[in-house]
Amino acid sequence: MEESVSERSLRVFEIARISSGQDLGSLVVDLPVALANRRPSVRIVFLDGGSDLGWHAHVTDVDGYVLLSFPWTDHVDRILINDDPGQLPVTVPQEGWDDLDQGWWGRVMPDGSDVYVAETDFDAITEVTDQSRIENPVPGLVLVDDVEVRWHVVSRGSWDKAWTQAVEACRRGHPAPVGEWDDDSNGRLVIHESS
């Protein structure tokens, strides 16, 4: 029997859990595609981290709400003009892209003409005891055993266009658009268009 769209899930996070040499069992998190918050388009917004950290990047919707961040990836402008910017999900291979670093875990998965995007706290998600306890309190946010996971979907065309524009802006030497955190809204950037 074929799975319906409303029942279909994607394997978002999977990792073996071992502590002090003891196998704690694997973490496997499958999220229903129906719970992903569809965004009509995305853009790559740059934040200036100063001379030591350089530019950081965030995938946002057109209103500046962050779908995916790269908190420990410094000097993104330099990475994007390299021949192989594989450290970032500029092009998403069929098997998807994922990265984890210092308490952060991001995952990008292609699915037909769509791209699914997930982000969570690595340390918190690996402590989950009931991977099947999934709630969707607000669009774009899924709770897996009370651990927050940002969960969005965007068209592949919009995803590719956003990264192409980001690479072109970096090649011109002016990462754009630039943003700053909105003090009044958690998880949103105020976007400043380049002049």
C-alpha atoms as a PDB file:
ATOM      1  CA  MET A   1       0.000   0.000   0.000  1.00  0.00           C
ATOM      2  CA  GLU A   2       1.403   3.386  -1.002  1.00  0.00           C
ATOM      3  CA  GLU A   3       1.904   6.023   1.665  1.00  0.00           C
ATOM      4  CA  SER A   4      -0.301   9.128   1.258  1.00  0.00           C
ATOM      5  CA  VAL A   5       1.274  12.598   1.189  1.00  0.00           C
ATOM      6  CA  SER A   6      -0.234  13.427   4.585  1.00  0.00           C
ATOM      7  CA  GLU A   7       1.385  10.298   6.098  1.00  0.00           C
ATOM      8  CA  ARG A   8       4.736  10.444   4.267  1.00  0.00           C
ATOM      9  CA  SER A   9       7.812  11.280   6.329  1.00  0.00           C
ATOM     10  CA  LEU A  10      11.449  12.004   5.638  1.00  0.00           C
ATOM     11  CA  ARG A  11      14.371  10.734   7.695  1.00  0.00           C
ATOM     12  CA  VAL A  12      15.717  14.019   9.003  1.00  0.00           C
ATOM     13  CA  PHE A  13      18.156  13.069  11.756  1.00  0.00           C
ATOM     14  CA  GLU A  14      19.943   9.777  12.359  1.00  0.00           C
ATOM     15  CA  ILE A  15      22.933   9.089  14.558  1.00  0.00           C
ATOM     16  CA  ALA A  16      24.317   6.355  16.807  1.00  0.00           C
ATOM     17  CA  ARG A  17      24.344   7.334  20.484  1.00  0.00           C
ATOM     18  CA  ILE A  18      27.238   6.046  22.578  1.00  0.00           C
ATOM     19  CA  SER A  19      28.230   7.296  26.027  1.00  0.00           C
ATOM     20  CA  SER A  20      31.192   6.017  28.043  1.00  0.00           C
ATOM     21  CA  GLY A  21      31.516   3.096  25.634  1.00  0.00           C
ATOM     22  CA  GLN A  22      27.894   2.088  26.158  1.00  0.00           C
ATOM     23  CA  ASP A  23      25.493   1.835  23.215  1.00  0.00           C
ATOM     24  CA  LEU A  24      22.460   4.010  23.994  1.00  0.00           C
ATOM     25  CA  GLY A  25      20.667   3.063  20.782  1.00  0.00           C
ATOM     26  CA  SER A  26      20.325   5.058  17.596  1.00  0.00           C
ATOM     27  CA  LEU A  27      18.477   8.315  17.275  1.00  0.00           C
ATOM     28  CA  VAL A  28      16.196   8.220  14.246  1.00  0.00           C
ATOM     29  CA  VAL A  29      13.889  11.182  13.645  1.00  0.00           C
ATOM     30  CA  ASP A  30      11.404  10.992  10.777  1.00  0.00           C
ATOM     31  CA  LEU A  31       9.288  14.109  10.263  1.00  0.00           C
ATOM     32  CA  PRO A  32       5.998  14.163   8.351  1.00  0.00           C
ATOM     33  CA  VAL A  33       6.279  16.211   5.169  1.00  0.00           C
ATOM     34  CA  ALA A  34       2.778  17.562   5.861  1.00  0.00           C
ATOM     35  CA  LEU A  35       4.128  19.399   8.934  1.00  0.00           C
ATOM     36  CA  ALA A  36       6.809  21.291   7.002  1.00  0.00           C
ATOM     37  CA  ASN A  37       5.952  24.980   6.643  1.00  0.00           C
ATOM     38  CA  ARG A  38       5.940  25.844   2.928  1.00  0.00           C
ATOM     39  CA  ARG A  39       7.771  29.067   2.088  1.00  0.00           C
ATOM     40  CA  PRO A  40       7.146  30.601  -1.332  1.00  0.00           C
ATOM     41  CA  SER A  41      10.756  31.732  -1.652  1.00  0.00           C
ATOM     42  CA  VAL A  42      13.997  32.046   0.274  1.00  0.00           C
ATOM     43  CA  ARG A  43      17.065  34.224   0.227  1.00  0.00           C
ATOM     44  CA  ILE A  44      20.524  34.100   1.706  1.00  0.00           C
ATOM     45  CA  VAL A  45      21.026  36.981   4.137  1.00  0.00           C
ATOM     46  CA  PHE A  46      24.485  37.966   5.373  1.00  0.00           C
ATOM     47  CA  LEU A  47      25.444  39.233   8.844  1.00  0.00           C
ATOM     48  CA  ASP A  48      28.767  40.936   9.508  1.00  0.00           C
ATOM     49  CA  GLY A  49      30.701  39.168  12.259  1.00  0.00           C
ATOM     50  CA  GLY A  50      33.577  41.650  12.223  1.00  0.00           C
ATOM     51  CA  SER A  51      37.126  41.203  11.022  1.00  0.00           C
ATOM     52  CA  ASP A  52      37.761  38.004  13.016  1.00  0.00           C
ATOM     53  CA  LEU A  53      34.605  36.104  12.008  1.00  0.00           C
ATOM     54  CA  GLY A  54      33.768  37.755   8.691  1.00  0.00           C
ATOM     55  CA  TRP A  55      30.369  37.251   7.075  1.00  0.00           C
ATOM     56  CA  HIS A  56      27.838  34.696   8.321  1.00  0.00           C
ATOM     57  CA  ALA A  57      24.867  33.492   6.282  1.00  0.00           C
ATOM     58  CA  HIS A  58      21.260  32.595   7.062  1.00  0.00           C
ATOM     59  CA  VAL A  59      18.590  31.125   4.805  1.00  0.00           C
ATOM     60  CA  THR A  60      15.474  33.222   5.399  1.00  0.00           C
ATOM     61  CA  ASP A  61      12.067  33.717   3.885  1.00  0.00           C
ATOM     62  CA  VAL A  62      11.292  37.083   2.255  1.00  0.00           C
ATOM     63  CA  ASP A  63      10.220  38.531   5.634  1.00  0.00           C
ATOM     64  CA  GLY A  64      13.526  37.623   7.288  1.00  0.00           C
ATOM     65  CA  TYR A  65      12.372  34.608   9.309  1.00  0.00           C
ATOM     66  CA  VAL A  66      15.315  32.233   9.609  1.00  0.00           C
ATOM     67  CA  LEU A  67      14.842  28.746   8.208  1.00  0.00           C
ATOM     68  CA  LEU A  68      18.482  27.663   8.504  1.00  0.00           C
ATOM     69  CA  SER A  69      21.555  29.289   9.996  1.00  0.00           C
ATOM     70  CA  PHE A  70      25.222  28.403   9.905  1.00  0.00           C
ATOM     71  CA  PRO A  71      26.339  29.701  13.317  1.00  0.00           C
ATOM     72  CA  TRP A  72      29.859  28.293  13.260  1.00  0.00           C
ATOM     73  CA  THR A  73      30.647  28.920   9.590  1.00  0.00           C
ATOM     74  CA  ASP A  74      32.775  32.059   9.448  1.00  0.00           C
ATOM     75  CA  HIS A  75      33.818  33.999   6.332  1.00  0.00           C
ATOM     76  CA  VAL A  76      30.958  32.608   4.239  1.00  0.00           C
ATOM     77  CA  ASP A  77      31.769  35.105   1.481  1.00  0.00           C
ATOM     78  CA  ARG A  78      35.166  33.426   0.997  1.00  0.00           C
ATOM     79  CA  ILE A  79      33.642  29.954   1.056  1.00  0.00           C
ATOM     80  CA  LEU A  80      31.059  30.865  -1.594  1.00  0.00           C
ATOM     81  CA  ILE A  81      33.634  32.065  -4.107  1.00  0.00           C
ATOM     82  CA  ASN A  82      35.715  28.887  -3.802  1.00  0.00           C
ATOM     83  CA  ASP A  83      35.484  26.260  -6.512  1.00  0.00           C
ATOM     84  CA  ASP A  84      33.991  23.833  -3.970  1.00  0.00           C
ATOM     85  CA  PRO A  85      31.666  25.537  -1.476  1.00  0.00           C
ATOM     86  CA  GLY A  86      30.468  22.103  -0.273  1.00  0.00           C
ATOM     87  CA  GLN A  87      30.695  23.247   3.346  1.00  0.00           C
ATOM     88  CA  LEU A  88      27.357  24.981   2.604  1.00  0.00           C
ATOM     89  CA  PRO A  89      24.260  23.542   0.876  1.00  0.00           C
ATOM     90  CA  VAL A  90      24.744  25.624  -2.274  1.00  0.00           C
ATOM     91  CA  THR A  91      23.905  22.592  -4.358  1.00  0.00           C
ATOM     92  CA  VAL A  92      22.034  19.809  -2.638  1.00  0.00           C
ATOM     93  CA  PRO A  93      23.110  16.309  -3.634  1.00  0.00           C
ATOM     94  CA  GLN A  94      20.472  13.595  -3.960  1.00  0.00           C
ATOM     95  CA  GLU A  95      21.437  12.161  -0.564  1.00  0.00           C
ATOM     96  CA  GLY A  96      20.982  15.603   0.986  1.00  0.00           C
ATOM     97  CA  TRP A  97      23.295  17.769   3.052  1.00  0.00           C
ATOM     98  CA  ASP A  98      23.817  17.839   6.765  1.00  0.00           C
ATOM     99  CA  ASP A  99      26.243  19.333   9.199  1.00  0.00           C
ATOM    100  CA  LEU A 100      26.608  19.486  12.939  1.00  0.00           C
ATOM    101  CA  ASP A 101      28.876  21.596  15.057  1.00  0.00           C
ATOM    102  CA  GLN A 102      28.944  22.806  18.668  1.00  0.00           C
ATOM    103  CA  GLY A 103      25.338  22.125  19.614  1.00  0.00           C
ATOM    104  CA  TRP A 104      23.852  22.845  16.163  1.00  0.00           C
ATOM    105  CA  TRP A 105      22.524  20.403  13.561  1.00  0.00           C
ATOM    106  CA  GLY A 106      21.249  21.393  10.114  1.00  0.00           C
ATOM    107  CA  ARG A 107      19.836  19.152   7.408  1.00  0.00           C
ATOM    108  CA  VAL A 108      18.713  19.868   3.827  1.00  0.00           C
ATOM    109  CA  MET A 109      16.959  17.177   1.769  1.00  0.00           C
ATOM    110  CA  PRO A 110      15.822  17.282  -1.841  1.00  0.00           C
ATOM    111  CA  ASP A 111      12.503  15.625  -2.586  1.00  0.00           C
ATOM    112  CA  GLY A 112      11.353  15.924  -6.187  1.00  0.00           C
ATOM    113  CA  SER A 113      10.921  19.630  -6.981  1.00  0.00           C
ATOM    114  CA  ASP A 114      11.127  20.593  -3.288  1.00  0.00           C
ATOM    115  CA  VAL A 115      13.858  21.068  -0.713  1.00  0.00           C
ATOM    116  CA  TYR A 116      13.125  20.309   2.954  1.00  0.00           C
ATOM    117  CA  VAL A 117      15.099  22.183   5.593  1.00  0.00           C
ATOM    118  CA  ALA A 118      15.530  21.240   9.271  1.00  0.00           C
ATOM    119  CA  GLU A 119      17.549  22.773  12.079  1.00  0.00           C
ATOM    120  CA  THR A 120      17.800  21.797  15.745  1.00  0.00           C
ATOM    121  CA  ASP A 121      19.964  21.814  18.850  1.00  0.00           C
ATOM    122  CA  PHE A 122      22.263  18.806  18.470  1.00  0.00           C
ATOM    123  CA  ASP A 123      22.799  18.262  22.180  1.00  0.00           C
ATOM    124  CA  ALA A 124      19.070  18.413  22.946  1.00  0.00           C
ATOM    125  CA  ILE A 125      17.945  16.167  20.076  1.00  0.00           C
ATOM    126  CA  THR A 126      20.415  13.430  21.022  1.00  0.00           C
ATOM    127  CA  GLU A 127      18.776  13.262  24.473  1.00  0.00           C
ATOM    128  CA  VAL A 128      15.323  12.504  22.997  1.00  0.00           C
ATOM    129  CA  THR A 129      13.761   9.366  24.461  1.00  0.00           C
ATOM    130  CA  ASP A 130      10.550   9.183  22.412  1.00  0.00           C
ATOM    131  CA  GLN A 131      11.390   9.902  18.762  1.00  0.00           C
ATOM    132  CA  SER A 132       7.789   9.260  17.735  1.00  0.00           C
ATOM    133  CA  ARG A 133       6.303  11.965  19.992  1.00  0.00           C
ATOM    134  CA  ILE A 134       5.926  14.757  17.442  1.00  0.00           C
ATOM    135  CA  GLU A 135       3.899  17.935  17.858  1.00  0.00           C
ATOM    136  CA  ASN A 136       3.435  20.932  15.571  1.00  0.00           C
ATOM    137  CA  PRO A 137       2.511  23.919  17.797  1.00  0.00           C
ATOM    138  CA  VAL A 138       3.083  26.561  15.095  1.00  0.00           C
ATOM    139  CA  PRO A 139       3.951  26.433  11.392  1.00  0.00           C
ATOM    140  CA  GLY A 140       7.663  25.911  10.880  1.00  0.00           C
ATOM    141  CA  LEU A 141       8.249  24.493  14.350  1.00  0.00           C
ATOM    142  CA  VAL A 142       8.015  20.813  15.217  1.00  0.00           C
ATOM    143  CA  LEU A 143       8.597  19.441  18.699  1.00  0.00           C
ATOM    144  CA  VAL A 144      10.210  16.014  18.877  1.00  0.00           C
ATOM    145  CA  ASP A 145       9.777  14.860  22.467  1.00  0.00           C
ATOM    146  CA  ASP A 146       9.719  18.601  23.386  1.00  0.00           C
ATOM    147  CA  VAL A 147      12.916  19.423  21.421  1.00  0.00           C
ATOM    148  CA  GLU A 148      12.402  22.238  18.896  1.00  0.00           C
ATOM    149  CA  VAL A 149      13.122  21.544  15.233  1.00  0.00           C
ATOM    150  CA  ARG A 150      12.644  24.204  12.550  1.00  0.00           C
ATOM    151  CA  TRP A 151      10.959  22.372   9.659  1.00  0.00           C
ATOM    152  CA  HIS A 152      10.326  24.074   6.302  1.00  0.00           C
ATOM    153  CA  VAL A 153       9.944  23.292   2.620  1.00  0.00           C
ATOM    154  CA  VAL A 154      10.719  25.468  -0.394  1.00  0.00           C
ATOM    155  CA  SER A 155      10.820  24.862  -4.128  1.00  0.00           C
ATOM    156  CA  ARG A 156      14.126  23.687  -5.533  1.00  0.00           C
ATOM    157  CA  GLY A 157      14.012  26.584  -7.990  1.00  0.00           C
ATOM    158  CA  SER A 158      13.824  29.160  -5.197  1.00  0.00           C
ATOM    159  CA  TRP A 159      16.591  27.401  -3.244  1.00  0.00           C
ATOM    160  CA  ASP A 160      18.926  27.331  -6.261  1.00  0.00           C
ATOM    161  CA  LYS A 161      18.149  30.954  -7.178  1.00  0.00           C
ATOM    162  CA  ALA A 162      18.898  32.199  -3.648  1.00  0.00           C
ATOM    163  CA  TRP A 163      22.305  30.511  -3.550  1.00  0.00           C
ATOM    164  CA  THR A 164      23.175  31.638  -7.095  1.00  0.00           C
ATOM    165  CA  GLN A 165      22.420  35.250  -6.118  1.00  0.00           C
ATOM    166  CA  ALA A 166      24.495  34.881  -2.932  1.00  0.00           C
ATOM    167  CA  VAL A 167      27.496  33.530  -4.843  1.00  0.00           C
ATOM    168  CA  GLU A 168      27.216  36.317  -7.436  1.00  0.00           C
ATOM    169  CA  ALA A 169      27.061  38.993  -4.716  1.00  0.00           C
ATOM    170  CA  CYS A 170      30.159  37.562  -3.020  1.00  0.00           C
ATOM    171  CA  ARG A 171      32.036  37.431  -6.316  1.00  0.00           C
ATOM    172  CA  ARG A 172      31.266  41.141  -6.742  1.00  0.00           C
ATOM    173  CA  GLY A 173      32.812  41.674  -3.296  1.00  0.00           C
ATOM    174  CA  HIS A 174      29.584  42.867  -1.656  1.00  0.00           C
ATOM    175  CA  PRO A 175      27.612  40.140   0.131  1.00  0.00           C
ATOM    176  CA  ALA A 176      23.950  41.128  -0.093  1.00  0.00           C
ATOM    177  CA  PRO A 177      21.365  41.418   1.210  1.00  0.00           C
ATOM    178  CA  VAL A 178      22.658  42.217   4.679  1.00  0.00           C
ATOM    179  CA  GLY A 179      20.630  41.752   7.839  1.00  0.00           C
ATOM    180  CA  GLU A 180      20.654  42.286  11.561  1.00  0.00           C
ATOM    181  CA  TRP A 181      18.729  40.542  14.336  1.00  0.00           C
ATOM    182  CA  ASP A 182      15.320  42.040  15.100  1.00  0.00           C
ATOM    183  CA  ASP A 183      15.257  42.686  18.856  1.00  0.00           C
ATOM    184  CA  ASP A 184      11.455  42.384  18.937  1.00  0.00           C
ATOM    185  CA  SER A 185      11.097  39.072  17.147  1.00  0.00           C
ATOM    186  CA  ASN A 186      12.842  35.801  17.942  1.00  0.00           C
ATOM    187  CA  GLY A 187      14.316  34.150  14.884  1.00  0.00           C
ATOM    188  CA  ARG A 188      13.856  37.056  12.484  1.00  0.00           C
ATOM    189  CA  LEU A 189      16.349  39.262  10.673  1.00  0.00           C
ATOM    190  CA  VAL A 190      15.723  42.813   9.522  1.00  0.00           C
ATOM    191  CA  ILE A 191      16.939  42.776   5.930  1.00  0.00           C
ATOM    192  CA  HIS A 192      18.668  45.793   4.375  1.00  0.00           C
ATOM    193  CA  GLU A 193      18.701  45.772   0.607  1.00  0.00           C
ATOM    194  CA  SER A 194      21.943  46.884  -1.024  1.00  0.00           C
ATOM    195  CA  SER A 195      21.978  50.243  -2.724  1.00  0.00           C
END
